[in-house]
Amino acid sequence: MKNRVRELRQARGWSQSELGRRLSVSRQSVIAIETGRYDPSLPLAFRMARLFECRIEDIFHPDPEPAP
């Protein structure tokens, strides 16, 4: 799953640690989400959307389906 977490975080001037603090997760979790190694839980995705003042769909995008 692709996401815009890094872009949204940097636009606000927040470090990964700061975003983690605001979301009550570790810096390592923020790194894993930003790099696509971890997909957040639905409650965390909703917290991120509220924090970034946008919809979940504005943050996360599924990988394109392979052509048949």
Protein backbone atom coordinates (compact mmCIF):
# COMPACT_ATOMS: atom_id res chain seq x y z
CA MET A 1 0.00 0.00 0.00
CA LYS A 2 1.35 3.40 -0.93
CA ASN A 3 0.92 6.39 1.36
CA ARG A 4 1.58 10.11 1.68
CA VAL A 5 2.54 10.06 5.38
CA ARG A 6 6.08 11.37 4.84
CA GLU A 7 4.85 14.14 2.54
CA LEU A 8 2.11 15.22 4.98
CA ARG A 9 4.47 15.05 7.97
CA GLN A 10 7.18 17.09 6.25
CA ALA A 11 4.66 19.70 5.08
CA ARG A 12 3.92 20.36 8.76
CA GLY A 13 7.59 20.46 9.72
CA TRP A 14 7.30 17.48 12.07
CA SER A 15 10.02 14.94 12.69
CA GLN A 16 9.22 11.26 12.71
CA SER A 17 9.51 11.35 16.49
CA GLU A 18 7.06 14.25 16.71
CA LEU A 19 4.51 12.46 14.53
CA GLY A 20 4.92 9.33 16.63
CA ARG A 21 4.32 11.34 19.79
CA ARG A 22 1.19 12.93 18.34
CA LEU A 23 -0.14 9.50 17.31
CA SER A 24 1.05 7.67 20.45
CA VAL A 25 3.24 5.28 18.45
CA SER A 26 6.99 4.80 18.26
CA ARG A 27 9.28 6.53 15.79
CA GLN A 28 10.03 3.06 14.41
CA SER A 29 6.32 2.60 13.66
CA VAL A 30 6.24 5.90 11.77
CA ILE A 31 9.30 4.82 9.75
CA ALA A 32 7.70 1.45 8.95
CA ILE A 33 4.45 3.12 7.83
CA GLU A 34 6.25 5.72 5.71
CA THR A 35 8.34 3.07 3.94
CA GLY A 36 5.34 0.80 3.34
CA ARG A 37 6.67 -2.04 5.51
CA TYR A 38 3.69 -1.75 7.87
CA ASP A 39 0.05 -0.93 7.22
CA PRO A 40 -1.52 0.81 10.23
CA SER A 41 -4.56 -0.51 12.01
CA LEU A 42 -7.87 1.10 11.15
CA PRO A 43 -8.01 3.06 14.45
CA LEU A 44 -4.50 4.40 13.79
CA ALA A 45 -5.41 5.30 10.21
CA PHE A 46 -8.39 7.28 11.52
CA ARG A 47 -6.14 9.08 14.05
CA MET A 48 -3.75 9.96 11.24
CA ALA A 49 -6.59 11.30 9.09
CA ARG A 50 -7.85 13.47 11.96
CA LEU A 51 -4.34 14.72 12.70
CA PHE A 52 -3.66 15.57 9.04
CA GLU A 53 -7.21 16.94 8.61
CA CYS A 54 -8.01 14.78 5.61
CA ARG A 55 -9.68 11.50 4.67
CA ILE A 56 -7.97 8.14 5.05
CA GLU A 57 -8.22 7.76 1.26
CA ASP A 58 -6.18 10.97 0.91
CA ILE A 59 -3.32 9.33 2.85
CA PHE A 60 -3.37 5.68 1.76
CA HIS A 61 -3.67 4.25 -1.75
CA PRO A 62 -3.76 0.55 -2.64
CA ASP A 63 -1.09 -0.80 -4.94
CA PRO A 64 -2.35 -1.07 -8.52
CA GLU A 65 -3.83 -4.42 -9.47
CA PRO A 66 -1.69 -6.36 -11.96
CA ALA A 67 -3.17 -6.58 -15.43
CA PRO A 68 -4.68 -9.99 -16.27
